[in-house]
N, C-alpha and C. Protein backbone atom coordinates (compact mmCIF):
# COMPACT_ATOMS: atom_id res chain seq x y z
N UNK A 1 -69.99 74.84 144.23
CA UNK A 1 -70.23 75.97 145.43
C UNK A 1 -71.02 77.27 144.80
N UNK A 2 -71.89 77.64 145.87
CA UNK A 2 -72.69 78.56 145.38
C UNK A 2 -72.43 79.82 146.17
N UNK A 3 -72.57 80.94 145.67
CA UNK A 3 -72.50 82.32 146.58
C UNK A 3 -73.83 82.62 147.17
N UNK A 4 -73.09 82.68 148.49
CA UNK A 4 -74.23 83.30 149.43
C UNK A 4 -74.51 85.04 149.52
N UNK A 5 -75.70 85.40 149.29
CA UNK A 5 -75.83 86.92 149.59
C UNK A 5 -75.59 87.15 150.73
N UNK A 6 -75.18 88.08 151.09
CA UNK A 6 -74.95 88.79 152.22
C UNK A 6 -75.12 90.01 152.66
N UNK A 7 -75.50 90.80 153.72
CA UNK A 7 -75.42 92.24 153.88
C UNK A 7 -75.37 92.70 155.01
N UNK A 8 -74.78 93.80 155.35
CA UNK A 8 -74.39 94.39 156.65
C UNK A 8 -74.52 95.95 156.77
N UNK A 9 -75.37 96.37 157.87
CA UNK A 9 -75.34 97.66 158.21
C UNK A 9 -74.11 98.55 158.28
N UNK A 10 -74.13 99.46 157.78
CA UNK A 10 -73.06 100.69 157.76
C UNK A 10 -73.49 101.86 158.54
N UNK A 11 -73.01 101.88 159.67
CA UNK A 11 -73.02 103.22 160.72
C UNK A 11 -73.02 104.57 159.72
N UNK A 12 -74.24 105.40 160.09
CA UNK A 12 -74.49 106.68 159.61
C UNK A 12 -74.28 107.56 160.73
N UNK A 13 -73.37 108.48 160.88
CA UNK A 13 -72.99 109.39 162.06
C UNK A 13 -74.27 110.32 161.63
N UNK A 14 -75.00 110.78 162.98
CA UNK A 14 -75.94 111.86 162.91
C UNK A 14 -75.53 113.15 162.88
N UNK A 15 -74.26 113.46 162.88
CA UNK A 15 -73.39 114.64 162.82
C UNK A 15 -72.20 114.57 162.04
N UNK A 16 -71.66 115.72 161.34
CA UNK A 16 -70.31 115.29 160.51
C UNK A 16 -69.43 114.66 161.34
N UNK A 17 -68.90 113.63 160.82
CA UNK A 17 -68.08 112.82 161.16
C UNK A 17 -67.74 111.45 160.55
N UNK A 18 -67.10 110.47 160.50
CA UNK A 18 -66.91 109.30 159.87
C UNK A 18 -67.62 108.02 160.83
N UNK A 19 -68.42 107.11 160.31
CA UNK A 19 -68.72 106.21 160.88
C UNK A 19 -67.77 104.78 161.11
N UNK A 20 -68.32 103.90 161.42
CA UNK A 20 -67.07 102.67 161.78
C UNK A 20 -67.00 102.12 160.45
N UNK A 21 -65.92 101.53 160.39
CA UNK A 21 -65.50 100.83 158.81
C UNK A 21 -65.93 99.44 159.23
N UNK A 22 -66.41 98.76 158.12
CA UNK A 22 -66.99 97.54 158.27
C UNK A 22 -65.77 96.71 157.16
N UNK A 23 -65.71 95.48 157.69
CA UNK A 23 -65.00 94.50 156.92
C UNK A 23 -65.69 94.01 155.65
N UNK A 24 -65.32 94.40 154.48
CA UNK A 24 -66.31 93.63 153.30
C UNK A 24 -65.40 93.08 152.41
N UNK A 25 -64.33 92.67 152.74
CA UNK A 25 -63.39 92.06 152.06
C UNK A 25 -63.86 90.67 151.37
N UNK A 26 -64.42 89.92 152.11
CA UNK A 26 -65.15 88.51 151.54
C UNK A 26 -66.10 88.85 150.60
N UNK A 27 -66.55 89.93 150.39
CA UNK A 27 -68.02 90.21 149.23
C UNK A 27 -67.60 90.65 148.09
N UNK A 28 -68.12 90.12 147.12
CA UNK A 28 -67.71 90.39 145.64
C UNK A 28 -69.01 91.24 145.11
N UNK A 29 -69.04 92.04 143.92
CA UNK A 29 -70.20 92.71 143.49
C UNK A 29 -70.80 93.48 144.58
N UNK A 30 -69.88 94.24 145.25
CA UNK A 30 -70.50 95.40 146.44
C UNK A 30 -71.52 96.21 145.82
N UNK A 31 -72.41 96.25 146.78
CA UNK A 31 -73.47 97.48 146.25
C UNK A 31 -73.83 98.21 147.59
N UNK A 32 -74.05 99.71 147.80
CA UNK A 32 -74.45 100.33 148.90
C UNK A 32 -75.77 100.78 148.87
N UNK A 33 -76.68 100.54 149.52
CA UNK A 33 -77.90 101.17 149.29
C UNK A 33 -78.26 102.44 150.33
N UNK A 34 -78.62 103.44 150.17
CA UNK A 34 -78.71 104.46 151.30
C UNK A 34 -80.31 104.82 151.03
N UNK A 35 -80.77 104.86 152.48
CA UNK A 35 -82.05 104.74 152.42
C UNK A 35 -82.73 106.01 153.33
N UNK A 36 -83.98 106.13 153.32
CA UNK A 36 -84.45 107.30 154.65
C UNK A 36 -84.86 108.71 153.93
N UNK A 37 -85.55 109.50 154.24
CA UNK A 37 -85.62 110.90 153.90
C UNK A 37 -84.73 111.52 154.51
N UNK A 38 -84.11 112.30 154.25
CA UNK A 38 -82.92 113.27 155.00
C UNK A 38 -82.73 114.43 154.24
N UNK A 39 -82.18 115.40 154.85
CA UNK A 39 -81.45 116.54 154.08
C UNK A 39 -80.06 116.72 154.44
N UNK A 40 -78.78 116.79 153.72
CA UNK A 40 -77.61 116.52 154.03
C UNK A 40 -76.75 115.99 152.72
N UNK A 41 -75.65 115.84 153.16
CA UNK A 41 -74.61 115.11 152.10
C UNK A 41 -73.68 114.12 153.03
N UNK A 42 -73.70 112.87 152.28
CA UNK A 42 -73.15 111.74 152.83
C UNK A 42 -72.17 111.20 151.64
N UNK A 43 -70.64 110.89 151.95
CA UNK A 43 -69.84 110.25 151.44
C UNK A 43 -69.57 108.74 151.76
N UNK A 44 -69.82 107.81 150.46
CA UNK A 44 -69.32 106.36 150.79
C UNK A 44 -67.53 106.57 150.61
N UNK A 45 -67.20 105.85 151.55
CA UNK A 45 -65.52 105.67 151.48
C UNK A 45 -65.06 104.30 151.34
N UNK A 46 -63.71 104.21 150.86
CA UNK A 46 -63.26 102.77 150.89
C UNK A 46 -61.92 102.87 151.23
N UNK A 47 -61.32 101.59 151.58
CA UNK A 47 -60.12 101.51 151.98
C UNK A 47 -59.58 99.88 151.59
N UNK A 48 -58.40 99.96 151.41
CA UNK A 48 -57.74 98.48 151.25
C UNK A 48 -57.35 98.14 152.51
N UNK A 49 -56.54 99.02 153.59
CA UNK A 49 -56.03 98.66 154.67
C UNK A 49 -56.50 99.02 155.92
N UNK A 50 -57.73 99.66 155.78
CA UNK A 50 -58.66 100.24 157.06
C UNK A 50 -58.15 101.10 157.75
N UNK A 51 -57.15 102.03 157.09
CA UNK A 51 -56.62 103.15 157.89
C UNK A 51 -56.76 104.40 156.74
N UNK A 52 -56.37 104.15 155.58
CA UNK A 52 -56.20 105.19 154.56
C UNK A 52 -57.60 105.17 154.06
N UNK A 53 -58.64 106.07 153.96
CA UNK A 53 -59.94 106.04 153.43
C UNK A 53 -59.94 107.05 152.42
N UNK A 54 -60.55 106.71 151.06
CA UNK A 54 -60.86 107.39 150.05
C UNK A 54 -62.43 107.53 149.55
N UNK A 55 -62.85 108.59 149.02
CA UNK A 55 -64.04 108.52 148.64
C UNK A 55 -64.16 107.69 147.32
N UNK A 56 -65.46 107.08 147.53
CA UNK A 56 -65.95 106.61 146.39
C UNK A 56 -67.15 107.09 145.63
N UNK A 57 -67.42 107.87 144.63
CA UNK A 57 -68.35 108.36 144.08
C UNK A 57 -68.36 109.89 144.30
N UNK A 58 -69.38 110.43 144.00
CA UNK A 58 -69.61 111.84 144.44
C UNK A 58 -70.51 111.75 145.76
N UNK A 59 -70.64 112.72 146.81
CA UNK A 59 -71.10 112.92 147.78
C UNK A 59 -72.98 112.58 147.55
N UNK A 60 -73.55 111.88 148.42
CA UNK A 60 -74.88 111.09 148.19
C UNK A 60 -75.84 112.54 148.89
N UNK A 61 -76.69 112.89 148.33
CA UNK A 61 -77.88 113.96 148.87
C UNK A 61 -79.21 113.30 148.86
N UNK A 62 -79.29 111.79 148.76
CA UNK A 62 -80.58 111.43 148.79
C UNK A 62 -80.44 110.08 148.90
N UNK A 63 -81.66 109.18 148.83
CA UNK A 63 -81.71 107.93 148.69
C UNK A 63 -81.13 107.43 147.39
N UNK A 64 -80.49 106.18 147.11
CA UNK A 64 -80.18 105.96 146.07
C UNK A 64 -78.91 104.37 146.25
N UNK A 65 -78.84 104.03 145.22
CA UNK A 65 -77.71 102.74 145.20
C UNK A 65 -76.10 103.46 144.83
N UNK A 66 -74.97 102.83 145.26
CA UNK A 66 -73.79 103.07 144.65
C UNK A 66 -73.14 101.70 144.43
N UNK A 67 -72.97 101.46 143.34
CA UNK A 67 -72.14 100.30 142.73
C UNK A 67 -70.63 100.55 143.47
N UNK A 68 -69.79 99.50 144.05
CA UNK A 68 -68.52 99.56 144.43
C UNK A 68 -67.68 98.91 143.47
N UNK A 69 -67.13 99.51 142.53
CA UNK A 69 -66.38 98.72 141.46
C UNK A 69 -64.79 98.51 142.06
N UNK A 70 -64.54 99.15 143.10
CA UNK A 70 -63.03 99.01 143.63
C UNK A 70 -62.93 98.03 144.51
N UNK A 71 -61.87 96.97 144.19
CA UNK A 71 -61.59 95.80 145.27
C UNK A 71 -61.41 96.31 146.53
N UNK A 72 -62.06 97.07 147.43
CA UNK A 72 -61.74 97.45 148.65
C UNK A 72 -62.22 96.59 150.17
N UNK A 73 -61.24 96.47 150.75
CA UNK A 73 -61.73 95.79 152.21
C UNK A 73 -62.68 96.30 153.19
N UNK A 74 -62.67 97.39 153.15
CA UNK A 74 -63.37 98.14 154.36
C UNK A 74 -64.37 99.41 153.53
N UNK A 75 -65.26 99.37 154.23
CA UNK A 75 -66.30 100.59 153.64
C UNK A 75 -66.91 101.38 154.97
N UNK A 76 -67.25 102.84 154.64
CA UNK A 76 -67.58 103.21 155.82
C UNK A 76 -68.50 104.52 155.12
N UNK A 77 -69.30 105.39 155.92
CA UNK A 77 -69.97 106.49 155.84
C UNK A 77 -69.27 107.66 156.26
N UNK A 78 -69.09 108.64 155.69
CA UNK A 78 -68.89 110.01 156.38
C UNK A 78 -69.69 110.90 155.94
N UNK A 79 -70.09 111.32 156.85
CA UNK A 79 -71.54 112.55 157.14
C UNK A 79 -70.52 113.67 156.89
N UNK A 80 -70.99 114.26 155.78
CA UNK A 80 -70.33 115.87 155.47
C UNK A 80 -71.14 116.55 156.34
N UNK A 81 -72.54 116.39 155.95
CA UNK A 81 -73.67 117.44 156.86
C UNK A 81 -74.79 116.73 156.88
N UNK A 82 -75.58 116.85 157.91
CA UNK A 82 -76.73 116.36 158.16
C UNK A 82 -77.77 117.07 158.95
N UNK A 83 -78.66 118.00 157.96
CA UNK A 83 -79.64 118.82 159.07
C UNK A 83 -80.93 118.24 159.38
N UNK A 84 -81.35 117.14 158.71
CA UNK A 84 -82.58 116.42 159.27
C UNK A 84 -82.74 115.08 158.58
N UNK A 85 -83.41 114.39 159.03
CA UNK A 85 -83.63 112.77 158.94
C UNK A 85 -82.75 112.14 159.54
N UNK A 86 -83.22 110.61 159.19
CA UNK A 86 -82.38 109.55 159.84
C UNK A 86 -81.86 108.48 158.55
N UNK A 87 -80.71 108.81 158.05
CA UNK A 87 -80.64 107.99 156.82
C UNK A 87 -80.11 106.56 157.22
N UNK A 88 -80.28 105.41 156.52
CA UNK A 88 -79.59 104.24 156.69
C UNK A 88 -78.84 103.82 155.37
N UNK A 89 -77.80 102.79 155.64
CA UNK A 89 -76.87 102.47 154.68
C UNK A 89 -76.65 101.14 154.83
N UNK A 90 -76.64 100.29 153.69
CA UNK A 90 -76.74 98.83 153.96
C UNK A 90 -75.60 98.42 152.77
N UNK A 91 -74.76 97.61 153.07
CA UNK A 91 -73.69 97.37 152.11
C UNK A 91 -74.07 95.95 151.75
N UNK A 92 -74.14 95.48 150.32
CA UNK A 92 -74.73 93.88 150.22
C UNK A 92 -73.63 93.38 149.24
N UNK A 93 -73.57 91.95 148.95
CA UNK A 93 -72.53 91.36 148.18
C UNK A 93 -72.77 90.02 148.00
N UNK A 94 -71.71 89.26 147.27
CA UNK A 94 -71.90 87.65 147.44
C UNK A 94 -70.76 87.33 148.19
N UNK A 95 -71.02 86.32 148.94
CA UNK A 95 -69.76 85.80 149.61
C UNK A 95 -69.22 84.57 148.94
N UNK A 96 -68.51 84.26 147.94
CA UNK A 96 -68.16 83.52 147.15
C UNK A 96 -67.25 82.06 147.68
N UNK A 97 -67.04 82.51 149.26
CA UNK A 97 -66.21 81.53 149.77
C UNK A 97 -67.18 80.61 150.79
N UNK A 98 -68.47 81.02 150.34
CA UNK A 98 -69.53 80.29 151.18
C UNK A 98 -69.68 78.86 150.66
N UNK A 99 -70.12 77.98 151.67
CA UNK A 99 -69.90 76.72 150.97
C UNK A 99 -71.58 76.04 151.26
């Protein structure tokens, strides 16, 4: 059986607040890519139960990658501040349950 690469879009709120949580439980070796020029501060958050979210790493102030070492089931983006631009966020990983 081979793992299948998967990716999903994470919602980035255009003003202060939290985006919709995405279920990433089936993905292993998770990475989040933040792209697009913007001025602001975004925080990647993770949760095991989908209710209590904790920050993963430091707030992001520009494009880049975040490796997710924790075995979280849900990921979301928390916009702390966004003064300009339209950032995008993608979560990716490998679905080891794929046949």
